[in-house]
Amino acid sequence: MKKSILENLKEEFPHHTLALLSSFVYILVGFALYRKDMLAFSFLFLVFLTSLFYHSHPENIFFRIGDWLASFSFIFYIINIVYLYKYSFNIFSVLAFFCLIFWIISEVAYHNKFNKIFNISHTLWHILSALTVFIIIFSIH
């Protein structure tokens, strides 16, 4: 009997399963912001796709690079939004700080093969970064 992609992923890369599923938070936030900021929606859709591809095939370096490029491009867009709209730097700083902490933990865990820590911290990175984008975009428009 043929296994599904998710079943294969659980066997080959169990530490990416939760991170793969948490990628869907980006598209959910994107749809919530669709009428507020079309460019943010487009970036969130791109981040969702690249994250989905990467976490489905974590051994593929091109998917990893694509995920990083999409993510960093979107981060620069959000920083620009914060600057242009003079969004409260204190709130943004706190949200960005916690996002950065979870991202650093997930990267260290990934490179040191701490798979369970990676799975949890990267999932929290997905959720918190999407929530941060939602709060920023929703509050300025």
C-alpha atoms as a PDB file:
ATOM      1  CA  MET A   1       0.000   0.000   0.000  1.00  0.00           C
ATOM      2  CA  LYS A   2       1.357   3.381  -0.991  1.00  0.00           C
ATOM      3  CA  LYS A   3       2.063   5.810   1.855  1.00  0.00           C
ATOM      4  CA  SER A   4       1.034   9.436   1.864  1.00  0.00           C
ATOM      5  CA  ILE A   5       3.592  12.253   1.766  1.00  0.00           C
ATOM      6  CA  LEU A   6       2.902  12.999   5.429  1.00  0.00           C
ATOM      7  CA  GLU A   7       3.467   9.344   6.420  1.00  0.00           C
ATOM      8  CA  ASN A   8       6.754   9.254   4.502  1.00  0.00           C
ATOM      9  CA  LEU A   9       7.789  12.521   6.108  1.00  0.00           C
ATOM     10  CA  LYS A  10       7.035  11.149   9.582  1.00  0.00           C
ATOM     11  CA  GLU A  11       9.328   8.207   8.896  1.00  0.00           C
ATOM     12  CA  GLU A  12      12.188   9.983   7.120  1.00  0.00           C
ATOM     13  CA  PHE A  13      12.132  13.438   8.760  1.00  0.00           C
ATOM     14  CA  PRO A  14       9.948  13.241  11.874  1.00  0.00           C
ATOM     15  CA  HIS A  15      11.348  16.522  13.166  1.00  0.00           C
ATOM     16  CA  HIS A  16       9.808  18.417  10.214  1.00  0.00           C
ATOM     17  CA  THR A  17       6.245  17.100  10.533  1.00  0.00           C
ATOM     18  CA  LEU A  18       4.943  19.696  12.980  1.00  0.00           C
ATOM     19  CA  ALA A  19       6.896  22.460  11.216  1.00  0.00           C
ATOM     20  CA  LEU A  20       5.239  21.415   7.949  1.00  0.00           C
ATOM     21  CA  LEU A  21       1.775  21.563   9.472  1.00  0.00           C
ATOM     22  CA  SER A  22       2.460  24.894  11.171  1.00  0.00           C
ATOM     23  CA  SER A  23       3.300  26.396   7.766  1.00  0.00           C
ATOM     24  CA  PHE A  24      -0.433  26.616   7.179  1.00  0.00           C
ATOM     25  CA  VAL A  25      -0.618  29.443   9.724  1.00  0.00           C
ATOM     26  CA  TYR A  26       0.946  31.733   7.102  1.00  0.00           C
ATOM     27  CA  ILE A  27      -1.840  31.175   4.599  1.00  0.00           C
ATOM     28  CA  LEU A  28      -4.492  31.583   7.304  1.00  0.00           C
ATOM     29  CA  VAL A  29      -3.030  34.929   8.361  1.00  0.00           C
ATOM     30  CA  GLY A  30      -2.639  35.847   4.687  1.00  0.00           C
ATOM     31  CA  PHE A  31      -6.350  35.330   4.055  1.00  0.00           C
ATOM     32  CA  ALA A  32      -7.186  37.325   7.189  1.00  0.00           C
ATOM     33  CA  LEU A  33      -5.107  40.226   5.831  1.00  0.00           C
ATOM     34  CA  TYR A  34      -6.155  39.860   2.186  1.00  0.00           C
ATOM     35  CA  ARG A  35      -8.220  43.060   2.059  1.00  0.00           C
ATOM     36  CA  LYS A  36      -5.877  45.017   4.336  1.00  0.00           C
ATOM     37  CA  ASP A  37      -2.592  44.584   2.483  1.00  0.00           C
ATOM     38  CA  MET A  38      -2.400  42.692  -0.807  1.00  0.00           C
ATOM     39  CA  LEU A  39       1.409  42.721  -0.814  1.00  0.00           C
ATOM     40  CA  ALA A  40       1.522  41.203   2.687  1.00  0.00           C
ATOM     41  CA  PHE A  41      -0.957  38.563   1.505  1.00  0.00           C
ATOM     42  CA  SER A  42       1.272  37.815  -1.502  1.00  0.00           C
ATOM     43  CA  PHE A  43       4.366  37.542   0.689  1.00  0.00           C
ATOM     44  CA  LEU A  44       2.539  35.295   3.162  1.00  0.00           C
ATOM     45  CA  PHE A  45       1.395  33.074   0.310  1.00  0.00           C
ATOM     46  CA  LEU A  46       4.981  32.854  -0.979  1.00  0.00           C
ATOM     47  CA  VAL A  47       6.328  32.114   2.505  1.00  0.00           C
ATOM     48  CA  PHE A  48       3.621  29.462   2.935  1.00  0.00           C
ATOM     49  CA  LEU A  49       4.564  27.757  -0.344  1.00  0.00           C
ATOM     50  CA  THR A  50       8.316  27.830   0.217  1.00  0.00           C
ATOM     51  CA  SER A  51       7.905  26.629   3.799  1.00  0.00           C
ATOM     52  CA  LEU A  52       5.611  23.838   2.643  1.00  0.00           C
ATOM     53  CA  PHE A  53       8.100  22.723  -0.028  1.00  0.00           C
ATOM     54  CA  TYR A  54      11.067  22.944   2.312  1.00  0.00           C
ATOM     55  CA  HIS A  55       9.484  21.093   5.227  1.00  0.00           C
ATOM     56  CA  SER A  56       8.143  18.435   2.833  1.00  0.00           C
ATOM     57  CA  HIS A  57      11.646  17.881   1.411  1.00  0.00           C
ATOM     58  CA  PRO A  58      14.140  19.166   4.013  1.00  0.00           C
ATOM     59  CA  GLU A  59      17.074  17.496   2.278  1.00  0.00           C
ATOM     60  CA  ASN A  60      16.593  19.703  -0.811  1.00  0.00           C
ATOM     61  CA  ILE A  61      18.986  22.672  -0.538  1.00  0.00           C
ATOM     62  CA  PHE A  62      17.101  24.635  -3.211  1.00  0.00           C
ATOM     63  CA  PHE A  63      13.886  24.497  -1.194  1.00  0.00           C
ATOM     64  CA  ARG A  64      15.801  25.601   1.902  1.00  0.00           C
ATOM     65  CA  ILE A  65      17.338  28.553   0.035  1.00  0.00           C
ATOM     66  CA  GLY A  66      13.932  29.454  -1.404  1.00  0.00           C
ATOM     67  CA  ASP A  67      12.396  29.341   2.068  1.00  0.00           C
ATOM     68  CA  TRP A  68      15.119  31.615   3.429  1.00  0.00           C
ATOM     69  CA  LEU A  69      14.871  34.082   0.529  1.00  0.00           C
ATOM     70  CA  ALA A  70      11.091  34.349   0.818  1.00  0.00           C
ATOM     71  CA  SER A  71      11.270  34.705   4.597  1.00  0.00           C
ATOM     72  CA  PHE A  72      13.995  37.363   4.610  1.00  0.00           C
ATOM     73  CA  SER A  73      12.294  39.326   1.832  1.00  0.00           C
ATOM     74  CA  PHE A  74       9.103  39.371   3.861  1.00  0.00           C
ATOM     75  CA  ILE A  75      10.971  40.346   7.037  1.00  0.00           C
ATOM     76  CA  PHE A  76      12.455  43.350   5.210  1.00  0.00           C
ATOM     77  CA  TYR A  77       8.983  44.276   3.967  1.00  0.00           C
ATOM     78  CA  ILE A  78       7.609  44.207   7.526  1.00  0.00           C
ATOM     79  CA  ILE A  79      10.535  46.265   8.843  1.00  0.00           C
ATOM     80  CA  ASN A  80       9.827  48.801   6.081  1.00  0.00           C
ATOM     81  CA  ILE A  81       6.132  48.896   7.062  1.00  0.00           C
ATOM     82  CA  VAL A  82       7.087  49.497  10.699  1.00  0.00           C
ATOM     83  CA  TYR A  83       9.395  52.329   9.633  1.00  0.00           C
ATOM     84  CA  LEU A  84       7.012  53.968   7.143  1.00  0.00           C
ATOM     85  CA  TYR A  85       3.965  53.878   9.390  1.00  0.00           C
ATOM     86  CA  LYS A  86       5.959  54.773  12.487  1.00  0.00           C
ATOM     87  CA  TYR A  87       4.499  51.742  14.211  1.00  0.00           C
ATOM     88  CA  SER A  88       5.220  51.497  17.925  1.00  0.00           C
ATOM     89  CA  PHE A  89       8.829  50.428  18.048  1.00  0.00           C
ATOM     90  CA  ASN A  90       8.408  49.041  21.584  1.00  0.00           C
ATOM     91  CA  ILE A  91       5.681  46.582  20.580  1.00  0.00           C
ATOM     92  CA  PHE A  92       7.511  45.621  17.399  1.00  0.00           C
ATOM     93  CA  SER A  93      10.779  45.160  19.305  1.00  0.00           C
ATOM     94  CA  VAL A  94       9.212  42.765  21.810  1.00  0.00           C
ATOM     95  CA  LEU A  95       7.479  40.729  19.098  1.00  0.00           C
ATOM     96  CA  ALA A  96      10.589  40.669  16.912  1.00  0.00           C
ATOM     97  CA  PHE A  97      12.750  39.691  19.891  1.00  0.00           C
ATOM     98  CA  PHE A  98      10.639  36.620  20.671  1.00  0.00           C
ATOM     99  CA  CYS A  99      10.467  35.661  16.995  1.00  0.00           C
ATOM    100  CA  LEU A 100      14.238  35.910  16.776  1.00  0.00           C
ATOM    101  CA  ILE A 101      14.734  33.808  19.918  1.00  0.00           C
ATOM    102  CA  PHE A 102      12.570  30.959  18.586  1.00  0.00           C
ATOM    103  CA  TRP A 103      14.223  31.166  15.166  1.00  0.00           C
ATOM    104  CA  ILE A 104      17.745  31.013  16.672  1.00  0.00           C
ATOM    105  CA  ILE A 105      16.781  28.090  18.915  1.00  0.00           C
ATOM    106  CA  SER A 106      15.327  26.219  15.939  1.00  0.00           C
ATOM    107  CA  GLU A 107      18.434  26.834  13.806  1.00  0.00           C
ATOM    108  CA  VAL A 108      20.814  25.708  16.566  1.00  0.00           C
ATOM    109  CA  ALA A 109      18.647  22.653  17.244  1.00  0.00           C
ATOM    110  CA  TYR A 110      18.477  21.829  13.526  1.00  0.00           C
ATOM    111  CA  HIS A 111      22.246  21.983  13.031  1.00  0.00           C
ATOM    112  CA  ASN A 112      22.908  19.975  16.209  1.00  0.00           C
ATOM    113  CA  LYS A 113      20.274  17.346  15.345  1.00  0.00           C
ATOM    114  CA  PHE A 114      18.103  18.129  18.396  1.00  0.00           C
ATOM    115  CA  ASN A 115      15.060  17.086  16.406  1.00  0.00           C
ATOM    116  CA  LYS A 116      12.333  17.471  19.035  1.00  0.00           C
ATOM    117  CA  ILE A 117      13.604  20.903  20.066  1.00  0.00           C
ATOM    118  CA  PHE A 118      13.757  21.911  16.393  1.00  0.00           C
ATOM    119  CA  ASN A 119      10.215  20.714  15.763  1.00  0.00           C
ATOM    120  CA  ILE A 120       8.770  22.650  18.691  1.00  0.00           C
ATOM    121  CA  SER A 121      10.853  25.824  18.368  1.00  0.00           C
ATOM    122  CA  HIS A 122      10.410  26.066  14.604  1.00  0.00           C
ATOM    123  CA  THR A 123       6.676  25.568  14.959  1.00  0.00           C
ATOM    124  CA  LEU A 124       6.597  28.350  17.552  1.00  0.00           C
ATOM    125  CA  TRP A 125       8.632  30.498  15.132  1.00  0.00           C
ATOM    126  CA  HIS A 126       5.988  29.941  12.428  1.00  0.00           C
ATOM    127  CA  ILE A 127       3.099  30.755  14.745  1.00  0.00           C
ATOM    128  CA  LEU A 128       4.702  33.759  16.442  1.00  0.00           C
ATOM    129  CA  SER A 129       6.027  35.298  13.219  1.00  0.00           C
ATOM    130  CA  ALA A 130       2.603  34.976  11.564  1.00  0.00           C
ATOM    131  CA  LEU A 131       0.940  36.464  14.644  1.00  0.00           C
ATOM    132  CA  THR A 132       3.438  39.351  14.625  1.00  0.00           C
ATOM    133  CA  VAL A 133       2.667  40.095  10.972  1.00  0.00           C
ATOM    134  CA  PHE A 134      -1.064  39.960  11.693  1.00  0.00           C
ATOM    135  CA  ILE A 135      -0.782  42.372  14.630  1.00  0.00           C
ATOM    136  CA  ILE A 136       1.374  44.851  12.707  1.00  0.00           C
ATOM    137  CA  ILE A 137      -0.580  44.870   9.448  1.00  0.00           C
ATOM    138  CA  PHE A 138      -3.990  44.814  11.106  1.00  0.00           C
ATOM    139  CA  SER A 139      -3.146  47.672  13.451  1.00  0.00           C
ATOM    140  CA  ILE A 140      -1.775  50.061  10.800  1.00  0.00           C
ATOM    141  CA  HIS A 141      -4.531  49.668   8.189  1.00  0.00           C
END
